[in-house]
Amino acid sequence: MHTPDPYLPGHGDLRYHVRHYDLDLQYKIVTNRLDEVAKLHIEIARPTSRIDVDLVGLNVSKVLLDGTPARHRRKPNGISVEVGERLVGERFVLELRVAGKPGPMPGVHGEAGWEELTDGAMVGSQPQGAPSWFPCNNDAGDKATYRIRVTCAAGYTVIANGTLTSRTTTGGNIAWVYEMNEPMSPYLATVQIGKYRESYRDAIVPVSIVHPPRVPVGPGTAFAKQADMVDFFVGCYGNYPFNEYRAVIVDDELEIPLEAQGLSSFGRNFVTPDWNNERLVAHELAHQWFGNCVTSKQLHDMWLHEGFACYSEWLWSDYSRRWHRMRPGVQQRAAEHYAKLPPMPAGATLADPGMKHLFDDWVYKRGALTLHALRVACGDSLFFDILQAWVAENAGSTITTEQFVDHCRVMAGDDGERIEALLRAWLYAPELPPLPVYAG
């Protein structure tokens, strides 16, 4: 089998890497019609004569290998392409022309991928939804750069990952081109289409909030401190890893917000200025460091995304007490969630919760408590040095829980064995360790 992640059987192919995606989308909003030319710049990773490309729900009209028609056949989750006898390191461009009415893909945790809105569209692909809208090697460990060109009716704004490099009007349509030059996992690629305006904020890096004109995003909303959050997390985790950050608020209500590389998307129901919404604004932003810049190689290490983002909520709660004096500090947040933490399901560990439990609340909260315990054991200076070095050393790559444990042990020096034992108790033992108490 060539599938890289046992949590996502049938997705991804270890026989090749995609180095760059060039996606050209023509989208008709009223009919939800997508016509697309996708060029995948491929490098062979294992000797093979065939590769599998993930694609669901769209029809394939042509497959070209370096401009020449290639033999191919449909599979339940994609296309198998004959590429000739290929050796490790060989490169070629695979072009696929696809079309249809895109929609989300079903999965263990519900649907994910391309989604029609009341007036527009959006993409939220975690974990299985990327093949719902473009041909890809749907493996989080297979990061690539992207150029995404979307043409749709004038009057709509298109947002995608990366920097907007051109916007061209032709007749009644506008073509928007975005480039993401930092390596990105397929599930983090996104397109957002709607009648939006973009409001800019002053921060260390360009920050904007994309929103319907009738939805306020300034003072008195959950997004009032968006720029301050960016600056705060830069102080905690090191340089912001991408060229810009956008928060996109769609003109529909969503069940949950969703992160993508360089941006996050929210429903209009997350604008109300209460803690639950504000913490989610912080949570999705923190994923730019933990999940997007540094990405778990396999889904079972999801705590390395969600535990870090959850702990970031608690850090922001502590920091924002300068504006909200009655807001709980980090220790109070830790104690509150420690008291409510349920036992882990039989056979599950934080480092391998099982696909069914991947997004259970205990994964988020026990993950955050693991980091809190590490902070208490190390002290603030070493703790934040550990996190900043973790991001800097692994930027643009994929990682594992064991790598994080080794990283902490090495950075703790003479205290490394104690730190490793502490982490292993939180990550692999079924029992809940004692509540760590922060005295700082």
Protein backbone atom coordinates (compact mmCIF):
# COMPACT_ATOMS: atom_id res chain seq x y z
CA MET A 1 0.00 0.00 0.00
CA HIS A 2 1.19 3.51 -0.80
CA THR A 3 -1.22 5.39 1.50
CA PRO A 4 0.81 7.54 3.94
CA ASP A 5 -1.67 8.02 6.82
CA PRO A 6 -3.64 5.10 8.34
CA TYR A 7 -6.19 7.61 9.65
CA LEU A 8 -7.03 8.50 6.01
CA PRO A 9 -7.04 5.23 4.05
CA GLY A 10 -7.24 5.71 0.31
CA HIS A 11 -5.76 9.23 0.40
CA GLY A 12 -2.28 10.24 -0.71
CA ASP A 13 0.50 8.37 -2.50
CA LEU A 14 4.06 7.93 -1.18
CA ARG A 15 5.42 7.21 -4.66
CA TYR A 16 5.67 10.90 -5.58
CA HIS A 17 5.83 14.44 -4.27
CA VAL A 18 4.10 17.47 -5.71
CA ARG A 19 6.55 20.36 -5.66
CA HIS A 20 4.15 22.99 -7.03
CA TYR A 21 0.45 23.28 -7.86
CA ASP A 22 -0.72 25.68 -10.58
CA LEU A 23 -4.52 25.82 -10.34
CA ASP A 24 -6.65 27.78 -12.83
CA LEU A 25 -10.31 27.82 -11.78
CA GLN A 26 -13.27 29.25 -13.71
CA TYR A 27 -16.23 29.39 -11.33
CA LYS A 28 -19.86 30.27 -12.03
CA ILE A 29 -21.43 31.22 -8.73
CA VAL A 30 -25.09 30.99 -9.67
CA THR A 31 -24.84 27.42 -10.99
CA ASN A 32 -21.92 26.23 -8.81
CA ARG A 33 -20.03 25.20 -11.94
CA LEU A 34 -16.27 24.73 -11.78
CA ASP A 35 -13.99 24.32 -14.82
CA GLU A 36 -10.38 23.83 -13.86
CA VAL A 37 -6.93 23.23 -15.30
CA ALA A 38 -4.57 21.84 -12.67
CA LYS A 39 -0.84 21.48 -13.33
CA LEU A 40 1.03 19.37 -10.79
CA HIS A 41 4.83 19.62 -10.86
CA ILE A 42 5.79 16.15 -9.71
CA GLU A 43 8.97 14.48 -8.46
CA ILE A 44 9.13 10.69 -8.14
CA ALA A 45 9.93 9.45 -4.61
CA ARG A 46 9.86 5.68 -5.24
CA PRO A 47 10.49 3.77 -8.46
CA THR A 48 7.11 3.32 -10.15
CA SER A 49 5.22 3.26 -13.43
CA ARG A 50 1.95 4.51 -11.96
CA ILE A 51 0.78 7.17 -9.53
CA ASP A 52 -2.58 7.89 -7.92
CA VAL A 53 -4.04 11.40 -7.80
CA ASP A 54 -6.85 12.20 -5.36
CA LEU A 55 -10.01 13.72 -6.87
CA VAL A 56 -13.66 13.23 -5.92
CA GLY A 57 -16.88 14.56 -7.46
CA LEU A 58 -15.41 16.23 -10.55
CA ASN A 59 -15.19 14.83 -14.08
CA VAL A 60 -11.84 14.44 -15.86
CA SER A 61 -11.76 15.38 -19.55
CA LYS A 62 -8.02 15.24 -20.22
CA VAL A 63 -4.78 14.07 -18.57
CA LEU A 64 -1.46 15.23 -20.04
CA LEU A 65 2.05 14.17 -19.08
CA ASP A 66 4.52 16.89 -20.11
CA GLY A 67 1.95 17.91 -22.73
CA THR A 68 1.30 14.41 -24.08
CA PRO A 69 -1.94 12.48 -23.40
CA ALA A 70 -1.46 9.94 -20.60
CA ARG A 71 -3.30 6.69 -20.00
CA HIS A 72 -5.40 6.84 -16.88
CA ARG A 73 -8.39 5.26 -15.17
CA ARG A 74 -10.82 6.43 -12.52
CA LYS A 75 -10.73 5.03 -9.01
CA PRO A 76 -13.24 5.59 -6.17
CA ASN A 77 -11.18 8.45 -4.70
CA GLY A 78 -9.27 9.66 -7.72
CA ILE A 79 -7.31 8.79 -10.85
CA SER A 80 -4.56 6.27 -11.51
CA VAL A 81 -2.12 7.61 -14.12
CA GLU A 82 0.41 5.61 -16.15
CA VAL A 83 3.68 7.57 -16.09
CA GLY A 84 6.11 5.04 -17.64
CA GLU A 85 9.00 3.50 -15.75
CA ARG A 86 10.19 6.27 -13.46
CA LEU A 87 13.19 6.42 -11.13
CA VAL A 88 13.60 8.39 -7.91
CA GLY A 89 14.18 12.08 -8.60
CA GLU A 90 12.61 12.20 -12.06
CA ARG A 91 10.35 15.19 -12.61
CA PHE A 92 7.46 15.96 -14.93
CA VAL A 93 4.31 18.10 -15.15
CA LEU A 94 0.96 16.34 -14.90
CA GLU A 95 -1.92 18.42 -16.26
CA LEU A 96 -5.52 17.51 -15.48
CA ARG A 97 -8.58 19.24 -16.91
CA VAL A 98 -11.59 18.73 -14.67
CA ALA A 99 -15.10 20.12 -14.35
CA GLY A 100 -18.36 19.73 -12.50
CA LYS A 101 -20.32 20.92 -9.51
CA PRO A 102 -17.98 20.75 -6.51
CA GLY A 103 -19.28 19.83 -3.10
CA PRO A 104 -17.92 18.68 0.24
CA MET A 105 -16.63 15.14 0.81
CA PRO A 106 -18.08 12.98 3.60
CA GLY A 107 -15.79 11.76 6.36
CA VAL A 108 -15.72 10.35 9.88
CA HIS A 109 -16.24 13.83 11.35
CA GLY A 110 -18.63 15.14 8.74
CA GLU A 111 -18.27 16.83 5.37
CA ALA A 112 -15.22 18.85 4.35
CA GLY A 113 -14.08 20.65 1.21
CA TRP A 114 -15.83 22.95 -1.27
CA GLU A 115 -19.05 24.40 0.10
CA GLU A 116 -21.66 26.62 -1.49
CA LEU A 117 -22.73 29.63 0.54
CA THR A 118 -25.93 31.63 0.23
CA ASP A 119 -24.09 33.98 -2.15
CA GLY A 120 -20.63 32.63 -2.88
CA ALA A 121 -18.45 29.69 -1.87
CA MET A 122 -15.76 28.67 0.58
CA VAL A 123 -13.34 25.81 1.19
CA GLY A 124 -12.55 24.14 4.52
CA SER A 125 -10.80 20.85 3.81
CA GLN A 126 -9.54 19.41 7.09
CA PRO A 127 -8.92 16.51 7.06
CA GLN A 128 -10.21 14.82 3.87
CA GLY A 129 -11.73 17.55 1.69
CA ALA A 130 -8.95 18.83 -0.60
CA PRO A 131 -9.79 16.40 -3.46
CA SER A 132 -13.31 17.87 -3.58
CA TRP A 133 -12.03 20.83 -5.59
CA PHE A 134 -8.58 20.12 -7.06
CA PRO A 135 -6.53 17.07 -8.09
CA CYS A 136 -3.88 16.52 -5.43
CA ASN A 137 -1.68 14.18 -3.45
CA ASN A 138 -3.86 14.45 -0.34
CA ASP A 139 -1.14 13.83 2.22
CA ALA A 140 -0.42 16.43 4.92
CA GLY A 141 3.24 15.41 4.71
CA ASP A 142 3.45 16.33 1.02
CA LYS A 143 3.83 20.10 1.11
CA ALA A 144 4.13 22.21 -2.03
CA THR A 145 4.00 25.80 -3.23
CA TYR A 146 0.83 27.05 -4.95
CA ARG A 147 -0.41 29.47 -7.57
CA ILE A 148 -4.20 29.76 -7.46
CA ARG A 149 -6.04 31.68 -10.20
CA VAL A 150 -9.80 32.08 -9.80
CA THR A 151 -12.04 33.75 -12.38
CA CYS A 152 -15.61 34.63 -11.40
CA ALA A 153 -18.23 37.32 -11.83
CA ALA A 154 -17.33 40.93 -11.12
CA GLY A 155 -18.81 42.19 -7.86
CA TYR A 156 -17.38 39.27 -5.89
CA THR A 157 -14.13 39.21 -3.95
CA VAL A 158 -11.88 36.16 -4.14
CA ILE A 159 -9.48 35.29 -1.33
CA ALA A 160 -7.01 32.41 -1.50
CA ASN A 161 -3.77 31.45 0.20
CA GLY A 162 -0.81 33.76 -0.07
CA THR A 163 -0.22 37.10 -1.74
CA LEU A 164 -2.55 38.63 -4.32
CA THR A 165 -0.25 39.12 -7.32
CA SER A 166 -2.75 40.24 -9.96
CA ARG A 167 -6.39 41.10 -10.56
CA THR A 168 -7.55 41.38 -14.16
CA THR A 169 -10.97 42.39 -15.48
CA THR A 170 -12.24 40.76 -18.67
CA GLY A 171 -15.82 41.48 -19.72
CA GLY A 172 -18.04 40.78 -16.73
CA ASN A 173 -15.44 38.65 -14.92
CA ILE A 174 -12.40 39.24 -12.76
CA ALA A 175 -9.43 36.88 -12.55
CA TRP A 176 -7.68 36.86 -9.17
CA VAL A 177 -4.20 35.32 -8.79
CA TYR A 178 -2.70 34.37 -5.43
CA GLU A 179 0.70 32.83 -4.80
CA MET A 180 1.71 30.87 -1.71
CA ASN A 181 5.47 30.47 -1.80
CA GLU A 182 5.78 28.75 1.57
CA PRO A 183 5.27 24.95 1.56
CA MET A 184 1.63 24.06 2.23
CA SER A 185 -0.26 20.83 2.86
CA PRO A 186 -3.18 20.22 0.47
CA TYR A 187 -5.84 20.37 3.21
CA LEU A 188 -4.73 23.93 4.03
CA ALA A 189 -5.38 25.24 0.51
CA THR A 190 -8.52 27.36 0.29
CA VAL A 191 -10.66 29.64 -1.84
CA GLN A 192 -13.19 32.11 -0.40
CA ILE A 193 -15.68 33.86 -2.71
CA GLY A 194 -18.24 36.43 -1.62
CA LYS A 195 -19.37 40.05 -1.66
CA TYR A 196 -16.75 41.29 0.78
CA ARG A 197 -14.74 44.32 1.72
CA GLU A 198 -11.25 44.13 3.24
CA SER A 199 -10.44 46.16 6.38
CA TYR A 200 -6.77 46.53 7.27
CA ARG A 201 -5.13 46.59 10.71
CA ASP A 202 -1.70 47.86 11.81
CA ALA A 203 0.50 45.02 13.05
CA ILE A 204 4.01 43.59 12.68
CA VAL A 205 2.84 41.95 9.43
CA PRO A 206 -0.03 42.95 7.12
CA VAL A 207 -3.30 41.98 8.80
CA SER A 208 -6.77 42.34 7.31
CA ILE A 209 -10.32 41.30 8.05
CA VAL A 210 -12.42 40.33 5.03
CA HIS A 211 -16.13 40.70 5.72
CA PRO A 212 -19.54 41.55 4.30
CA PRO A 213 -20.00 45.34 4.37
CA ARG A 214 -22.98 45.04 6.71
CA VAL A 215 -21.04 43.00 9.30
CA PRO A 216 -18.95 45.23 11.62
CA VAL A 217 -15.51 43.95 12.67
CA GLY A 218 -14.07 46.85 14.65
CA PRO A 219 -14.38 47.92 18.32
CA GLY A 220 -17.07 46.05 20.19
CA THR A 221 -16.60 42.84 18.19
CA ALA A 222 -14.61 39.63 18.70
CA PHE A 223 -12.13 40.89 16.07
CA ALA A 224 -11.37 44.20 17.81
CA LYS A 225 -7.91 43.03 18.93
CA GLN A 226 -6.97 40.95 15.87
CA ALA A 227 -3.79 42.95 15.19
CA ASP A 228 -2.80 42.89 18.88
CA MET A 229 -3.17 39.10 18.82
CA VAL A 230 -0.76 38.85 15.89
CA ASP A 231 1.82 40.99 17.68
CA PHE A 232 1.35 39.06 20.93
CA PHE A 233 1.83 35.63 19.36
CA VAL A 234 4.89 36.87 17.46
CA GLY A 235 6.33 37.67 20.88
CA CYS A 236 5.47 34.18 22.11
CA TYR A 237 6.36 32.03 19.13
CA GLY A 238 8.72 34.03 16.93
CA ASN A 239 8.29 35.58 13.50
CA TYR A 240 4.91 35.22 11.83
CA PRO A 241 5.59 32.48 9.25
CA PHE A 242 3.82 33.93 6.19
CA ASN A 243 3.62 37.24 4.32
CA GLU A 244 0.18 38.27 5.60
CA TYR A 245 -2.76 37.17 7.73
CA ARG A 246 -6.43 37.45 6.88
CA ALA A 247 -9.55 36.66 8.87
CA VAL A 248 -12.41 35.97 6.46
CA ILE A 249 -15.97 36.33 7.77
CA VAL A 250 -18.53 34.76 5.47
CA ASP A 251 -22.11 36.02 5.29
CA ASP A 252 -23.50 32.72 6.57
CA GLU A 253 -23.49 31.08 9.97
CA LEU A 254 -20.91 28.31 10.40
CA GLU A 255 -20.70 25.59 13.02
CA ILE A 256 -16.98 26.14 13.64
CA PRO A 257 -14.25 28.42 12.33
CA LEU A 258 -11.59 26.89 10.09
CA GLU A 259 -7.89 27.58 9.60
CA ALA A 260 -6.07 27.62 6.29
CA GLN A 261 -2.51 28.69 5.54
CA GLY A 262 -2.25 32.45 5.88
CA LEU A 263 -5.92 32.95 6.74
CA SER A 264 -8.85 31.71 8.80
CA SER A 265 -12.57 31.68 8.03
CA PHE A 266 -15.46 32.39 10.37
CA GLY A 267 -19.22 32.59 10.09
CA ARG A 268 -20.91 35.90 10.86
CA ASN A 269 -22.11 34.27 14.10
CA PHE A 270 -18.57 34.54 15.50
CA VAL A 271 -18.44 38.34 15.47
CA THR A 272 -20.32 38.91 18.76
CA PRO A 273 -17.87 40.18 21.42
CA ASP A 274 -17.88 37.35 23.95
CA TRP A 275 -15.00 35.21 25.24
CA ASN A 276 -16.03 32.10 23.33
CA ASN A 277 -15.74 33.94 20.02
CA GLU A 278 -12.61 35.88 20.95
CA ARG A 279 -10.81 32.72 22.04
CA LEU A 280 -11.59 31.15 18.65
CA VAL A 281 -10.12 34.18 16.88
CA ALA A 282 -6.95 33.56 18.90
CA HIS A 283 -7.13 29.80 18.37
CA GLU A 284 -7.29 29.99 14.57
CA LEU A 285 -4.50 32.56 14.44
CA ALA A 286 -2.22 30.34 16.55
CA HIS A 287 -2.61 27.59 13.95
CA GLN A 288 -0.49 29.68 11.58
CA TRP A 289 2.49 28.60 13.67
CA PHE A 290 1.22 25.25 14.93
CA GLY A 291 -0.51 23.30 12.18
CA ASN A 292 0.26 25.41 9.12
CA CYS A 293 3.94 26.39 9.36
CA VAL A 294 4.80 23.29 11.41
CA THR A 295 2.46 20.45 10.45
CA SER A 296 1.91 16.99 11.90
CA LYS A 297 3.09 14.37 9.45
CA GLN A 298 0.15 12.14 10.37
CA LEU A 299 -3.23 12.88 11.89
CA HIS A 300 -2.63 10.92 15.10
CA ASP A 301 -0.35 13.76 16.26
CA MET A 302 -3.20 16.29 16.07
CA TRP A 303 -2.49 17.47 19.62
CA LEU A 304 0.57 19.24 18.15
CA HIS A 305 -1.94 21.48 16.37
CA GLU A 306 -4.96 21.67 18.63
CA GLY A 307 -3.23 21.49 22.02
CA PHE A 308 -0.95 24.37 21.02
CA ALA A 309 -3.83 26.45 19.64
CA CYS A 310 -5.91 25.79 22.77
CA TYR A 311 -3.04 26.80 25.05
CA SER A 312 -2.70 29.95 22.95
CA GLU A 313 -6.26 30.84 23.96
CA TRP A 314 -5.22 30.64 27.62
CA LEU A 315 -2.10 32.72 26.99
CA TRP A 316 -4.22 35.37 25.26
CA SER A 317 -6.72 35.31 28.14
CA ASP A 318 -3.86 36.00 30.54
CA TYR A 319 -2.38 38.78 28.39
CA SER A 320 -5.73 40.45 27.68
CA ARG A 321 -6.40 41.01 31.37
CA ARG A 322 -4.86 44.46 30.79
CA TRP A 323 -8.16 45.27 29.03
CA HIS A 324 -10.44 42.82 30.86
CA ARG A 325 -9.35 42.83 34.48
CA MET A 326 -11.81 40.14 35.56
CA ARG A 327 -10.75 37.71 32.81
CA PRO A 328 -9.16 34.48 34.13
CA GLY A 329 -5.40 34.05 33.94
CA VAL A 330 -3.67 31.03 32.47
CA GLN A 331 -3.64 29.02 35.73
CA GLN A 332 -7.36 29.55 36.27
CA ARG A 333 -8.08 28.44 32.70
CA ALA A 334 -5.92 25.34 33.23
CA ALA A 335 -7.61 24.44 36.52
CA GLU A 336 -11.09 24.97 35.05
CA HIS A 337 -10.48 22.60 32.14
CA TYR A 338 -8.50 20.10 34.21
CA ALA A 339 -11.52 19.69 36.50
CA LYS A 340 -13.82 18.96 33.54
CA LEU A 341 -11.46 16.71 31.60
CA PRO A 342 -13.10 13.31 30.94
CA PRO A 343 -11.15 10.04 30.98
CA MET A 344 -9.59 9.10 27.68
CA PRO A 345 -11.43 6.40 25.71
CA ALA A 346 -10.13 2.87 26.24
CA GLY A 347 -6.97 2.26 24.25
CA ALA A 348 -6.53 5.90 23.29
CA THR A 349 -3.62 8.18 24.14
CA LEU A 350 -3.11 11.86 23.49
CA ALA A 351 -0.44 10.96 20.93
CA ASP A 352 -2.72 8.44 19.20
CA PRO A 353 -6.40 9.12 20.01
CA GLY A 354 -7.86 7.18 17.09
CA MET A 355 -9.59 8.72 14.09
CA LYS A 356 -13.01 8.64 15.78
CA HIS A 357 -11.76 10.78 18.68
CA LEU A 358 -9.36 12.98 16.71
CA PHE A 359 -11.29 16.21 17.30
CA ASP A 360 -12.73 15.36 20.73
CA ASP A 361 -12.46 18.18 23.25
CA TRP A 362 -10.18 16.14 25.50
CA VAL A 363 -7.52 16.11 22.76
CA TYR A 364 -7.53 19.91 22.75
CA LYS A 365 -7.62 20.36 26.52
CA ARG A 366 -5.23 17.59 27.55
CA GLY A 367 -2.90 18.87 24.82
CA ALA A 368 -3.04 22.38 26.28
CA LEU A 369 -2.51 21.02 29.80
CA THR A 370 0.54 19.12 28.55
CA LEU A 371 2.06 22.41 27.44
CA HIS A 372 1.07 24.04 30.71
CA ALA A 373 2.85 21.25 32.59
CA LEU A 374 5.93 21.76 30.40
CA ARG A 375 5.88 25.49 31.15
CA VAL A 376 5.59 24.92 34.89
CA ALA A 377 8.46 22.42 34.80
CA CYS A 378 10.75 24.56 32.64
CA GLY A 379 9.95 28.11 33.64
CA ASP A 380 8.85 30.82 31.22
CA SER A 381 12.24 31.59 29.66
CA LEU A 382 13.06 28.03 28.64
CA PHE A 383 9.44 27.22 27.73
CA PHE A 384 9.13 29.99 25.17
CA ASP A 385 12.66 29.32 23.91
CA ILE A 386 11.55 25.72 23.29
CA LEU A 387 8.48 26.81 21.32
CA GLN A 388 10.29 29.45 19.28
CA ALA A 389 13.09 27.03 18.40
CA TRP A 390 10.55 24.34 17.53
CA VAL A 391 8.91 26.63 14.97
CA ALA A 392 12.17 28.04 13.61
CA GLU A 393 13.82 24.63 13.17
CA ASN A 394 10.78 22.97 11.58
CA ALA A 395 9.26 25.79 9.52
CA GLY A 396 7.71 24.51 6.32
CA SER A 397 8.11 20.86 7.30
CA THR A 398 6.17 18.08 8.99
CA ILE A 399 6.82 16.69 12.45
CA THR A 400 5.90 13.97 14.99
CA THR A 401 5.24 13.79 18.71
CA GLU A 402 8.52 11.93 19.24
CA GLN A 403 10.40 14.76 17.55
CA PHE A 404 8.80 17.23 19.96
CA VAL A 405 9.71 15.10 22.99
CA ASP A 406 13.31 14.84 21.75
CA HIS A 407 13.40 18.58 21.07
CA CYS A 408 12.28 19.39 24.62
CA ARG A 409 14.71 16.88 26.16
CA VAL A 410 17.67 18.35 24.29
CA MET A 411 16.77 21.96 25.05
CA ALA A 412 16.30 21.14 28.75
CA GLY A 413 19.92 20.08 28.99
CA ASP A 414 20.77 18.43 32.30
CA ASP A 415 17.08 18.40 33.18
CA GLY A 416 16.17 16.62 29.96
CA GLU A 417 15.32 13.21 31.42
CA ARG A 418 12.84 14.74 33.88
CA ILE A 419 11.19 16.79 31.14
CA GLU A 420 10.93 13.75 28.88
CA ALA A 421 9.34 11.67 31.65
CA LEU A 422 6.81 14.43 32.33
CA LEU A 423 5.83 14.68 28.67
CA ARG A 424 5.50 10.92 28.27
CA ALA A 425 3.11 10.77 31.23
CA TRP A 426 0.82 13.34 29.60
CA LEU A 427 1.15 11.94 26.07
CA TYR A 428 1.08 8.18 26.50
CA ALA A 429 -0.32 7.24 29.92
CA PRO A 430 -4.07 6.71 30.43
CA GLU A 431 -3.97 8.28 33.89
CA LEU A 432 -4.30 12.04 34.20
CA PRO A 433 -1.19 13.51 35.89
CA PRO A 434 -1.64 16.03 38.71
CA LEU A 435 -2.71 19.57 37.82
CA PRO A 436 0.42 21.64 37.13
CA VAL A 437 0.46 24.86 39.17
CA TYR A 438 1.94 27.96 37.60
CA ALA A 439 3.24 30.47 40.13
CA GLY A 440 4.50 33.09 37.69
